[in-house]
Structure formats: C-alpha cells, structure tokens
N, C-alpha and C. Protein backbone atom coordinates (compact mmCIF):
# COMPACT_ATOMS: atom_id res chain seq x y z
N MET A 1 0.85 -1.18 0.00
CA MET A 1 0.00 0.00 0.00
C MET A 1 0.89 1.23 0.00
N THR A 2 0.61 2.17 -0.88
CA THR A 2 1.41 3.38 -0.96
C THR A 2 1.05 4.34 0.17
N LEU A 3 1.93 5.28 0.42
CA LEU A 3 1.67 6.29 1.45
C LEU A 3 0.41 7.07 1.12
N ARG A 4 0.20 7.37 -0.16
CA ARG A 4 -1.00 8.09 -0.59
C ARG A 4 -2.25 7.31 -0.22
N SER A 5 -2.26 6.01 -0.51
CA SER A 5 -3.42 5.17 -0.20
C SER A 5 -3.63 5.07 1.30
N LEU A 6 -2.53 4.94 2.05
CA LEU A 6 -2.62 4.85 3.50
C LEU A 6 -3.21 6.13 4.09
N ALA A 7 -2.73 7.28 3.62
CA ALA A 7 -3.24 8.55 4.14
C ALA A 7 -4.72 8.73 3.83
N LEU A 8 -5.12 8.41 2.60
CA LEU A 8 -6.53 8.55 2.23
C LEU A 8 -7.39 7.57 3.00
N SER A 9 -6.95 6.33 3.14
CA SER A 9 -7.71 5.34 3.90
C SER A 9 -7.86 5.75 5.35
N ALA A 10 -6.79 6.27 5.93
CA ALA A 10 -6.83 6.71 7.32
C ALA A 10 -7.87 7.80 7.53
N VAL A 11 -7.94 8.73 6.60
CA VAL A 11 -8.92 9.82 6.70
C VAL A 11 -10.33 9.26 6.61
N LEU A 12 -10.59 8.44 5.62
CA LEU A 12 -11.94 7.94 5.39
C LEU A 12 -12.41 6.99 6.49
N VAL A 13 -11.49 6.23 7.08
CA VAL A 13 -11.86 5.31 8.15
C VAL A 13 -12.03 6.04 9.47
N ALA A 14 -11.11 6.95 9.77
CA ALA A 14 -11.14 7.65 11.05
C ALA A 14 -12.28 8.65 11.17
N PHE A 15 -12.72 9.21 10.05
CA PHE A 15 -13.73 10.25 10.09
C PHE A 15 -14.84 9.98 9.08
N PRO A 16 -15.56 8.87 9.23
CA PRO A 16 -16.60 8.55 8.25
C PRO A 16 -17.76 9.54 8.26
N MET A 17 -17.96 10.27 9.35
CA MET A 17 -19.07 11.21 9.42
C MET A 17 -18.88 12.39 8.47
N LEU A 18 -17.69 12.54 7.94
CA LEU A 18 -17.45 13.61 6.99
C LEU A 18 -17.58 13.09 5.55
N GLY A 19 -18.33 12.02 5.36
CA GLY A 19 -18.45 11.38 4.06
C GLY A 19 -18.98 12.29 2.96
N GLN A 20 -19.80 13.28 3.28
CA GLN A 20 -20.34 14.20 2.28
C GLN A 20 -19.46 15.44 2.12
N ALA A 21 -18.34 15.45 2.80
CA ALA A 21 -17.46 16.61 2.80
C ALA A 21 -16.60 16.67 1.55
N LEU A 22 -16.01 17.83 1.33
CA LEU A 22 -15.02 18.01 0.29
C LEU A 22 -13.77 17.26 0.72
N THR A 23 -13.32 16.32 -0.10
CA THR A 23 -12.10 15.57 0.17
C THR A 23 -11.14 15.82 -0.97
N LEU A 24 -9.91 16.23 -0.64
CA LEU A 24 -8.91 16.58 -1.64
C LEU A 24 -7.66 15.72 -1.46
N GLU A 25 -7.15 15.22 -2.55
CA GLU A 25 -5.86 14.55 -2.57
C GLU A 25 -4.89 15.50 -3.27
N CYS A 26 -3.85 15.91 -2.55
CA CYS A 26 -2.96 16.95 -3.06
C CYS A 26 -1.54 16.43 -3.19
N SER A 27 -0.96 16.64 -4.35
CA SER A 27 0.43 16.27 -4.63
C SER A 27 1.26 17.53 -4.72
N MET A 28 2.33 17.56 -3.96
CA MET A 28 3.18 18.75 -3.91
C MET A 28 4.22 18.68 -5.01
N ASP A 29 4.62 19.85 -5.53
CA ASP A 29 5.67 19.94 -6.53
C ASP A 29 6.99 19.45 -5.94
N ARG A 30 7.84 18.93 -6.79
CA ARG A 30 9.17 18.49 -6.34
C ARG A 30 9.98 19.71 -5.92
N SER A 31 10.43 19.68 -4.68
CA SER A 31 11.20 20.80 -4.15
C SER A 31 11.82 20.40 -2.83
N LYS A 32 12.94 20.98 -2.51
CA LYS A 32 13.55 20.76 -1.20
C LYS A 32 13.20 21.90 -0.25
N ALA A 33 12.34 22.80 -0.72
CA ALA A 33 11.97 23.98 0.08
C ALA A 33 11.17 23.62 1.33
N GLY A 34 10.63 22.41 1.40
CA GLY A 34 9.83 22.01 2.55
C GLY A 34 10.66 21.57 3.73
N GLY A 35 11.98 21.48 3.56
CA GLY A 35 12.86 21.13 4.67
C GLY A 35 12.62 19.74 5.23
N GLY A 36 11.89 18.90 4.51
CA GLY A 36 11.55 17.58 5.02
C GLY A 36 10.31 17.58 5.89
N TYR A 37 9.79 18.74 6.21
CA TYR A 37 8.60 18.85 7.05
C TYR A 37 7.32 18.89 6.22
N ILE A 38 7.42 19.36 5.00
CA ILE A 38 6.25 19.39 4.12
C ILE A 38 6.39 18.20 3.17
N THR A 39 5.48 17.26 3.30
CA THR A 39 5.58 16.00 2.59
C THR A 39 5.04 16.10 1.17
N ASP A 40 5.13 15.00 0.43
CA ASP A 40 4.74 14.98 -0.98
C ASP A 40 3.24 14.91 -1.22
N VAL A 41 2.49 14.32 -0.28
CA VAL A 41 1.06 14.09 -0.48
C VAL A 41 0.29 14.52 0.77
N TYR A 42 -0.79 15.26 0.56
CA TYR A 42 -1.71 15.64 1.63
C TYR A 42 -3.12 15.20 1.26
N ILE A 43 -3.86 14.78 2.27
CA ILE A 43 -5.29 14.53 2.13
C ILE A 43 -5.98 15.52 3.05
N LEU A 44 -6.83 16.36 2.49
CA LEU A 44 -7.58 17.36 3.26
C LEU A 44 -9.05 17.04 3.14
N GLN A 45 -9.77 17.21 4.23
CA GLN A 45 -11.21 17.00 4.18
C GLN A 45 -11.88 18.11 4.99
N HIS A 46 -12.95 18.69 4.39
CA HIS A 46 -13.64 19.80 5.03
C HIS A 46 -15.14 19.65 4.84
N ASP A 47 -15.87 19.71 5.93
CA ASP A 47 -17.32 19.66 5.90
C ASP A 47 -17.83 21.07 6.20
N ALA A 48 -18.26 21.77 5.17
CA ALA A 48 -18.71 23.16 5.32
C ALA A 48 -19.93 23.26 6.23
N ALA A 49 -20.77 22.22 6.24
CA ALA A 49 -21.98 22.24 7.06
C ALA A 49 -21.67 22.26 8.55
N THR A 50 -20.62 21.55 8.96
CA THR A 50 -20.27 21.48 10.38
C THR A 50 -19.07 22.34 10.74
N GLY A 51 -18.30 22.76 9.72
CA GLY A 51 -17.10 23.53 9.96
C GLY A 51 -15.91 22.68 10.38
N ARG A 52 -16.07 21.35 10.35
CA ARG A 52 -14.98 20.45 10.75
C ARG A 52 -14.04 20.17 9.59
N ALA A 53 -12.78 19.98 9.93
CA ALA A 53 -11.78 19.66 8.91
C ALA A 53 -10.76 18.70 9.50
N ILE A 54 -10.21 17.85 8.64
CA ILE A 54 -9.13 16.96 9.03
C ILE A 54 -8.06 17.00 7.95
N VAL A 55 -6.86 16.61 8.35
CA VAL A 55 -5.73 16.60 7.44
C VAL A 55 -4.90 15.36 7.72
N SER A 56 -4.26 14.85 6.66
CA SER A 56 -3.40 13.69 6.82
C SER A 56 -2.25 13.78 5.83
N ASP A 57 -1.09 13.37 6.29
CA ASP A 57 0.09 13.20 5.43
C ASP A 57 1.01 12.23 6.15
N GLY A 58 2.14 11.93 5.55
CA GLY A 58 3.07 10.97 6.15
C GLY A 58 3.60 11.40 7.50
N LEU A 59 3.87 12.69 7.67
CA LEU A 59 4.38 13.21 8.93
C LEU A 59 3.34 13.07 10.04
N ILE A 60 2.11 13.43 9.73
CA ILE A 60 1.03 13.30 10.71
C ILE A 60 0.84 11.84 11.10
N LEU A 61 0.79 10.96 10.11
CA LEU A 61 0.59 9.54 10.40
C LEU A 61 1.73 9.00 11.27
N HIS A 62 2.96 9.45 11.02
CA HIS A 62 4.11 8.97 11.81
C HIS A 62 4.04 9.45 13.26
N PHE A 63 3.73 10.71 13.47
CA PHE A 63 3.77 11.28 14.82
C PHE A 63 2.42 11.27 15.54
N ASN A 64 1.36 10.81 14.89
CA ASN A 64 0.03 10.82 15.51
C ASN A 64 -0.59 9.41 15.50
N ASP A 65 0.21 8.41 15.79
CA ASP A 65 -0.27 7.03 15.92
C ASP A 65 -1.05 6.55 14.70
N GLU A 66 -0.55 6.86 13.51
CA GLU A 66 -1.17 6.41 12.25
C GLU A 66 -2.58 6.95 12.05
N GLN A 67 -2.88 8.09 12.67
CA GLN A 67 -4.21 8.69 12.56
C GLN A 67 -4.12 10.09 11.97
N PRO A 68 -5.09 10.47 11.12
CA PRO A 68 -5.17 11.87 10.69
C PRO A 68 -5.52 12.75 11.89
N MET A 69 -5.45 14.04 11.72
CA MET A 69 -5.78 14.91 12.85
C MET A 69 -6.75 16.02 12.45
N LEU A 70 -7.43 16.54 13.45
CA LEU A 70 -8.33 17.66 13.23
C LEU A 70 -7.52 18.90 12.89
N ALA A 71 -8.07 19.70 12.01
CA ALA A 71 -7.45 20.97 11.64
C ALA A 71 -8.43 22.09 11.98
N THR A 72 -7.92 23.28 12.13
CA THR A 72 -8.74 24.46 12.36
C THR A 72 -8.98 25.14 11.01
N VAL A 73 -10.23 25.48 10.75
CA VAL A 73 -10.57 26.22 9.53
C VAL A 73 -10.40 27.70 9.87
N SER A 74 -9.38 28.32 9.30
CA SER A 74 -9.15 29.74 9.60
C SER A 74 -9.70 30.66 8.53
N GLU A 75 -10.04 30.10 7.36
CA GLU A 75 -10.69 30.89 6.30
C GLU A 75 -11.43 29.93 5.38
N ASP A 76 -12.66 30.29 5.04
CA ASP A 76 -13.46 29.49 4.11
C ASP A 76 -14.32 30.44 3.29
N THR A 77 -13.84 30.73 2.07
CA THR A 77 -14.55 31.63 1.18
C THR A 77 -14.82 30.92 -0.13
N ALA A 78 -15.45 31.60 -1.04
CA ALA A 78 -15.73 31.02 -2.36
C ALA A 78 -14.45 30.74 -3.14
N THR A 79 -13.37 31.44 -2.79
CA THR A 79 -12.12 31.29 -3.54
C THR A 79 -11.02 30.55 -2.80
N LYS A 80 -11.11 30.47 -1.46
CA LYS A 80 -9.99 29.91 -0.71
C LYS A 80 -10.46 29.20 0.56
N LEU A 81 -9.78 28.09 0.87
CA LEU A 81 -9.97 27.37 2.12
C LEU A 81 -8.61 27.29 2.80
N VAL A 82 -8.53 27.75 4.05
CA VAL A 82 -7.27 27.72 4.79
C VAL A 82 -7.45 26.88 6.05
N LEU A 83 -6.56 25.89 6.20
CA LEU A 83 -6.56 25.01 7.37
C LEU A 83 -5.24 25.18 8.11
N THR A 84 -5.29 25.10 9.44
CA THR A 84 -4.07 25.14 10.24
C THR A 84 -4.07 23.97 11.22
N TRP A 85 -2.87 23.51 11.57
CA TRP A 85 -2.74 22.43 12.54
C TRP A 85 -1.32 22.43 13.08
N LYS A 86 -1.12 21.70 14.19
CA LYS A 86 0.20 21.57 14.81
C LYS A 86 0.53 20.09 14.96
N VAL A 87 1.79 19.76 14.74
CA VAL A 87 2.26 18.39 14.93
C VAL A 87 3.40 18.43 15.94
N ARG A 88 3.24 17.68 17.02
CA ARG A 88 4.33 17.57 18.01
C ARG A 88 5.26 16.46 17.54
N MET A 89 6.50 16.84 17.32
CA MET A 89 7.48 15.89 16.78
C MET A 89 8.62 15.71 17.78
N THR A 90 9.12 14.48 17.84
CA THR A 90 10.26 14.17 18.70
C THR A 90 11.31 13.47 17.86
N ASN A 91 12.56 13.94 17.95
CA ASN A 91 13.62 13.31 17.16
C ASN A 91 14.24 12.14 17.92
N ARG A 92 15.24 11.53 17.32
CA ARG A 92 15.86 10.33 17.90
C ARG A 92 16.56 10.60 19.22
N THR A 93 16.96 11.84 19.46
CA THR A 93 17.65 12.16 20.72
C THR A 93 16.68 12.63 21.80
N GLY A 94 15.38 12.64 21.50
CA GLY A 94 14.39 13.01 22.49
C GLY A 94 13.99 14.47 22.48
N GLN A 95 14.57 15.27 21.60
CA GLN A 95 14.18 16.68 21.50
C GLN A 95 12.82 16.76 20.82
N SER A 96 11.96 17.62 21.32
CA SER A 96 10.64 17.75 20.70
C SER A 96 10.37 19.19 20.30
N ALA A 97 9.48 19.32 19.32
CA ALA A 97 9.09 20.64 18.83
C ALA A 97 7.66 20.56 18.31
N ASN A 98 6.97 21.66 18.39
CA ASN A 98 5.65 21.77 17.79
C ASN A 98 5.80 22.48 16.46
N MET A 99 5.56 21.76 15.39
CA MET A 99 5.59 22.37 14.06
C MET A 99 4.19 22.88 13.76
N GLN A 100 4.11 24.12 13.31
CA GLN A 100 2.84 24.75 12.96
C GLN A 100 2.70 24.75 11.45
N PHE A 101 1.55 24.27 10.97
CA PHE A 101 1.31 24.15 9.53
C PHE A 101 0.12 25.00 9.13
N ARG A 102 0.18 25.49 7.89
CA ARG A 102 -0.92 26.24 7.29
C ARG A 102 -1.03 25.79 5.84
N ALA A 103 -2.22 25.34 5.46
CA ALA A 103 -2.47 24.92 4.08
C ALA A 103 -3.54 25.83 3.49
N ALA A 104 -3.23 26.48 2.38
CA ALA A 104 -4.19 27.33 1.68
C ALA A 104 -4.53 26.67 0.35
N PHE A 105 -5.80 26.30 0.21
CA PHE A 105 -6.30 25.68 -1.02
C PHE A 105 -7.05 26.74 -1.81
N PHE A 106 -6.63 26.97 -3.05
CA PHE A 106 -7.26 27.96 -3.92
C PHE A 106 -8.21 27.23 -4.87
N ARG A 107 -9.49 27.47 -4.68
CA ARG A 107 -10.53 26.71 -5.39
C ARG A 107 -10.49 26.89 -6.91
N GLY A 108 -10.14 28.07 -7.39
CA GLY A 108 -10.17 28.35 -8.82
C GLY A 108 -9.24 27.47 -9.63
N ASP A 109 -7.98 27.41 -9.24
CA ASP A 109 -7.01 26.62 -10.00
C ASP A 109 -6.58 25.35 -9.28
N GLN A 110 -7.23 25.05 -8.13
CA GLN A 110 -6.99 23.81 -7.38
C GLN A 110 -5.56 23.70 -6.84
N THR A 111 -4.91 24.83 -6.60
CA THR A 111 -3.55 24.78 -6.07
C THR A 111 -3.57 24.78 -4.54
N LEU A 112 -2.49 24.27 -3.98
CA LEU A 112 -2.32 24.22 -2.53
C LEU A 112 -0.96 24.79 -2.19
N VAL A 113 -0.92 25.65 -1.17
CA VAL A 113 0.33 26.18 -0.64
C VAL A 113 0.39 25.76 0.83
N VAL A 114 1.42 25.00 1.17
CA VAL A 114 1.59 24.55 2.55
C VAL A 114 2.82 25.24 3.12
N ARG A 115 2.64 25.82 4.31
CA ARG A 115 3.74 26.48 5.01
C ARG A 115 3.92 25.80 6.36
N ALA A 116 5.16 25.71 6.81
CA ALA A 116 5.47 25.11 8.10
C ALA A 116 6.49 25.97 8.82
N ALA A 117 6.34 26.04 10.13
CA ALA A 117 7.27 26.80 10.96
C ALA A 117 7.32 26.15 12.34
N PRO A 118 8.51 26.05 12.92
CA PRO A 118 8.60 25.51 14.27
C PRO A 118 8.08 26.54 15.27
N GLY A 119 7.43 26.04 16.31
CA GLY A 119 6.96 26.94 17.37
C GLY A 119 8.14 27.47 18.16
N GLY A 120 7.97 28.57 18.82
CA GLY A 120 9.05 29.13 19.63
C GLY A 120 9.81 30.21 18.89
N ASP A 121 11.01 30.44 19.35
CA ASP A 121 11.83 31.53 18.81
C ASP A 121 12.76 31.05 17.69
N TYR A 122 12.19 30.46 16.69
CA TYR A 122 12.96 29.99 15.54
C TYR A 122 12.56 30.80 14.32
N SER A 123 13.52 31.07 13.46
CA SER A 123 13.23 31.86 12.27
C SER A 123 12.98 30.99 11.04
N ASN A 124 13.11 29.68 11.18
CA ASN A 124 12.93 28.78 10.04
C ASN A 124 11.50 28.83 9.52
N ARG A 125 11.36 28.90 8.22
CA ARG A 125 10.06 28.87 7.55
C ARG A 125 10.20 28.01 6.32
N PHE A 126 9.21 27.17 6.07
CA PHE A 126 9.26 26.26 4.93
C PHE A 126 7.97 26.40 4.13
N GLU A 127 8.06 26.20 2.80
CA GLU A 127 6.87 26.34 1.95
C GLU A 127 7.02 25.45 0.72
N ARG A 128 5.91 24.81 0.35
CA ARG A 128 5.84 24.06 -0.90
C ARG A 128 4.47 24.29 -1.53
N ARG A 129 4.44 24.14 -2.84
CA ARG A 129 3.19 24.31 -3.60
C ARG A 129 2.87 23.02 -4.30
N GLY A 130 1.57 22.84 -4.56
CA GLY A 130 1.13 21.65 -5.27
C GLY A 130 -0.24 21.84 -5.87
N ARG A 131 -0.83 20.73 -6.29
CA ARG A 131 -2.13 20.76 -6.94
C ARG A 131 -3.00 19.67 -6.33
N CYS A 132 -4.30 19.96 -6.19
CA CYS A 132 -5.23 19.04 -5.57
C CYS A 132 -6.25 18.51 -6.55
N THR A 133 -6.74 17.31 -6.26
CA THR A 133 -7.81 16.69 -7.03
C THR A 133 -8.90 16.27 -6.06
N PRO A 134 -10.15 16.62 -6.33
CA PRO A 134 -11.24 16.15 -5.46
C PRO A 134 -11.35 14.62 -5.56
N VAL A 135 -11.59 13.98 -4.42
CA VAL A 135 -11.70 12.53 -4.37
C VAL A 135 -13.17 12.15 -4.26
C-alpha cells in the first residue's frame, strides 16, 4: 500500500461522518523547500456544514499514531480554504518541537500552498506548492 493510499484510507476510516465533505488529494511539486517537514502528499477534508476539517500526510501519520488529525478552519470563502494544525514531533535524541502548519487551497485553479514553521523563537520557515484533485 502506498503512502498516498494509506493517508486517504486513514482519513476515510477515522472520520466517516465527513463522508459528504469536500475531500482533496494533493500532490506537492518536487522541491527541497519544505525542509523535510512538508511531505509529498496531503489529504484534506472539510465539511462546510459542520465547519470540521481533518488533514493527513506521512508526517502526521508517523507522529500521531497512524491517525489523521483535526485541523482548524481559519478561512473558508468562495475562492480559498485555509486550514491550520500543529504536529508535536520528537527526534531520535528526544528533543521535541511543535511544528505549525498552514495549508491554503485555492478553489479556482486547485492549487495548494503549505507552510510550516517551528513553534518558539525559531526563524525557520518552509513552503511548498502543489495541486489538488477532489476525491
């Protein structure tokens, strides 16, 4: 099973109540600009009726017990949907950090811009762009 299939399956199994929601499978452009924090594939799901949203990717599945996570809808207009979430990550030496993510989906051309930044007093910022397909 590919990572893409695993991420999509995890979303659909973990959150079946969002079955009528907008579900997007997004592939990011090839780039090293994500610093390893912005992965190649995202699954986003948003139910406009309830305002609930979930997100899944390889990083989330790794650090969140193979489960997608709830996201906050920070903007939902006719042209753009913006979701935010945090992933608590721990490296091999036991250091942990909260990475903050923001995904902006542009409805017109189906593009996605994902940004990531570590919480705290760090200046690192990462960004990748991609394209989404409704599932």
